[in-house]
Amino acid sequence: METGMIQSGKMIIWTNKKHHISINPRKDDVVLADNLLGGTTAPACICRNCALVVVEYGKEQ
């Protein structure tokens, strides 16, 4: 596993249903990182062998 982060210009959420127009979080969505004005990052680790990214949420950098 390699340590790093994921980045977005807006909000990063986990959801079990695709948002079609808006990315406003629904009741069961999990906000991983949120900074609508300045971009956002969330700590993450990547395994390039198994093609998985593990994201730690609740600790925006």
Protein backbone atom coordinates (compact mmCIF):
# COMPACT_ATOMS: atom_id res chain seq x y z
CA MET A 1 0.00 0.00 0.00
CA GLU A 2 1.19 3.45 -0.90
CA THR A 3 0.05 6.44 1.20
CA GLY A 4 -1.30 9.58 -0.44
CA MET A 5 -4.61 11.38 -0.92
CA ILE A 6 -7.52 11.79 -3.29
CA GLN A 7 -8.43 15.30 -4.46
CA SER A 8 -11.45 17.03 -5.91
CA GLY A 9 -12.43 20.54 -6.84
CA LYS A 10 -15.60 20.20 -4.78
CA MET A 11 -17.06 17.44 -2.60
CA ILE A 12 -16.10 13.77 -2.34
CA ILE A 13 -18.91 11.45 -1.29
CA TRP A 14 -19.56 7.72 -1.05
CA THR A 15 -22.99 6.75 -2.31
CA ASN A 16 -24.77 3.56 -3.26
CA LYS A 17 -26.84 5.28 -5.99
CA LYS A 18 -25.52 7.46 -8.82
CA HIS A 19 -26.36 11.17 -8.63
CA HIS A 20 -27.64 12.40 -11.99
CA ILE A 21 -27.80 16.18 -11.67
CA SER A 22 -26.74 17.30 -8.21
CA ILE A 23 -24.09 15.93 -5.89
CA ASN A 24 -25.91 17.10 -2.78
CA PRO A 25 -25.52 14.25 -0.31
CA ARG A 26 -28.56 12.10 0.36
CA LYS A 27 -29.52 10.73 3.77
CA ASP A 28 -27.43 7.55 3.47
CA ASP A 29 -24.45 9.12 1.64
CA VAL A 30 -21.13 9.57 3.45
CA VAL A 31 -19.26 12.84 2.90
CA LEU A 32 -15.58 11.94 2.69
CA ALA A 33 -14.35 15.53 2.27
CA ASP A 34 -16.06 18.86 1.58
CA ASN A 35 -14.75 22.31 0.67
CA LEU A 36 -16.86 23.74 -2.15
CA LEU A 37 -14.81 26.92 -2.54
CA GLY A 38 -11.21 25.76 -2.32
CA GLY A 39 -11.07 22.12 -3.34
CA THR A 40 -10.73 19.20 -1.00
CA THR A 41 -8.46 16.27 -0.18
CA ALA A 42 -8.93 13.11 1.84
CA PRO A 43 -6.15 10.80 3.11
CA ALA A 44 -5.98 7.57 1.11
CA CYS A 45 -3.84 4.54 0.40
CA ILE A 46 -3.59 2.79 -2.95
CA CYS A 47 -2.70 -0.79 -3.78
CA ARG A 48 -1.56 -0.79 -7.39
CA ASN A 49 -1.47 -4.62 -7.49
CA CYS A 50 -5.13 -5.11 -6.56
CA ALA A 51 -6.41 -1.77 -7.97
CA LEU A 52 -8.01 -0.65 -4.69
CA VAL A 53 -8.02 2.75 -3.00
CA VAL A 54 -8.76 2.93 0.74
CA VAL A 55 -10.00 6.37 1.87
CA GLU A 56 -9.99 7.64 5.44
CA TYR A 57 -12.83 10.10 5.95
CA GLY A 58 -13.50 12.64 8.65
CA LYS A 59 -9.91 13.94 8.61
CA GLU A 60 -9.68 16.49 5.78
CA GLN A 61 -6.13 17.66 5.08
